[in-house]
Amino acid sequence: MIVRIFRAVIHDDKIDHFRTFMLDTALPLMRSQPGLVSITPCLPRPETPNEFCLVMVWTSVDALAAFAGEDWQKPHVHPDEEGIVKERFLHHYELAEAA
């Protein structure tokens, strides 16, 4: 399984807007994708007040690529994110099986 961690740094004046987008648009869209095992939304903390995170687990790279396309290793920009997100970070890992 593939773990995909997406972090977004949001412009100061757009934090509430992005929170609404993530919870009301991105999460329902992601949850409907075949091959998505789990998704965990993470909200800002005082030490990182502009940073949001999504931790996703996918059954395979093929399932992830079916959703994200051939360029699945790059963060995608939803049209609703334009002008809101300052920086994006995306990382992928193999899920370690529990012993």
Protein backbone atom coordinates (compact mmCIF):
# COMPACT_ATOMS: atom_id res chain seq x y z
CA MET A 1 0.00 0.00 0.00
CA ILE A 2 1.07 3.56 -0.68
CA VAL A 3 0.97 6.37 1.87
CA ARG A 4 0.53 9.82 0.32
CA ILE A 5 1.09 12.86 2.53
CA PHE A 6 -0.03 16.20 1.15
CA ARG A 7 0.77 19.41 3.04
CA ALA A 8 -0.39 22.86 2.04
CA VAL A 9 0.72 26.23 3.38
CA ILE A 10 -2.09 28.73 3.04
CA HIS A 11 -2.02 32.52 2.62
CA ASP A 12 -2.85 34.28 5.92
CA ASP A 13 -6.13 35.73 4.72
CA LYS A 14 -7.35 32.47 3.14
CA ILE A 15 -7.12 30.00 6.06
CA ASP A 16 -10.87 29.84 6.75
CA HIS A 17 -11.60 29.52 3.04
CA PHE A 18 -9.16 26.62 2.66
CA ARG A 19 -10.54 24.85 5.75
CA THR A 20 -14.01 24.97 4.18
CA PHE A 21 -12.65 23.77 0.82
CA MET A 22 -10.76 20.87 2.39
CA LEU A 23 -13.61 19.68 4.59
CA ASP A 24 -16.54 20.31 2.22
CA THR A 25 -15.01 19.71 -1.24
CA ALA A 26 -11.71 17.81 -1.11
CA LEU A 27 -12.64 15.20 1.51
CA PRO A 28 -15.92 14.09 -0.12
CA LEU A 29 -14.17 13.92 -3.50
CA MET A 30 -11.29 11.87 -2.14
CA ARG A 31 -13.50 9.52 -0.11
CA SER A 32 -15.36 8.52 -3.27
CA GLN A 33 -12.21 7.29 -5.05
CA PRO A 34 -11.74 3.56 -5.69
CA GLY A 35 -8.57 2.28 -4.07
CA LEU A 36 -8.48 4.81 -1.26
CA VAL A 37 -8.14 2.86 1.99
CA SER A 38 -8.16 5.81 4.38
CA ILE A 39 -7.79 9.56 4.53
CA THR A 40 -6.98 11.62 7.60
CA PRO A 41 -7.43 15.40 7.42
CA CYS A 42 -5.14 17.46 9.67
CA LEU A 43 -5.83 21.06 10.69
CA PRO A 44 -3.34 23.77 11.68
CA ARG A 45 -1.83 24.03 15.15
CA PRO A 46 -0.53 27.18 16.85
CA GLU A 47 3.08 26.43 15.83
CA THR A 48 2.01 25.94 12.17
CA PRO A 49 -1.05 28.21 11.84
CA ASN A 50 -1.10 28.20 8.03
CA GLU A 51 -0.45 24.50 7.37
CA PHE A 52 -2.98 21.78 6.55
CA CYS A 53 -2.25 18.13 5.83
CA LEU A 54 -3.98 15.11 4.31
CA VAL A 55 -2.61 11.64 5.04
CA MET A 56 -3.95 9.07 2.59
CA VAL A 57 -3.44 5.35 2.19
CA TRP A 58 -3.99 3.84 -1.26
CA THR A 59 -4.16 0.16 -2.17
CA SER A 60 -1.51 0.58 -4.90
CA VAL A 61 0.28 3.01 -7.16
CA ASP A 62 -2.14 1.96 -9.90
CA ALA A 63 -5.12 3.03 -7.78
CA LEU A 64 -3.43 6.32 -6.92
CA ALA A 65 -2.52 6.94 -10.56
CA ALA A 66 -6.11 6.19 -11.62
CA PHE A 67 -7.16 9.11 -9.42
CA ALA A 68 -4.21 11.50 -9.82
CA GLY A 69 -3.05 10.64 -13.34
CA GLU A 70 0.34 9.63 -14.68
CA ASP A 71 1.95 12.54 -12.86
CA TRP A 72 0.71 11.18 -9.49
CA GLN A 73 4.02 12.18 -7.87
CA LYS A 74 3.17 15.87 -8.27
CA PRO A 75 0.58 17.79 -6.21
CA HIS A 76 -2.55 18.65 -8.15
CA VAL A 77 -4.24 22.03 -7.90
CA HIS A 78 -8.00 21.98 -7.67
CA PRO A 79 -9.49 25.11 -9.32
CA ASP A 80 -10.87 26.16 -5.91
CA GLU A 81 -7.30 26.29 -4.54
CA GLU A 82 -6.02 28.92 -6.96
CA GLY A 83 -4.80 31.99 -5.08
CA ILE A 84 -5.31 30.27 -1.69
CA VAL A 85 -2.35 27.91 -1.40
CA LYS A 86 1.09 29.46 -1.00
CA GLU A 87 3.12 26.20 -1.05
CA ARG A 88 2.41 22.49 -1.59
CA PHE A 89 4.42 19.49 -0.47
CA LEU A 90 3.79 15.90 -1.47
CA HIS A 91 5.50 12.73 -0.25
CA HIS A 92 4.92 9.03 -0.88
CA TYR A 93 5.90 6.01 1.20
CA GLU A 94 5.36 2.26 1.27
CA LEU A 95 3.14 1.35 4.20
CA ALA A 96 5.03 -0.74 6.76
CA GLU A 97 3.03 -3.79 7.73
CA ALA A 98 2.25 -4.04 11.42
CA ALA A 99 4.19 -6.79 13.17
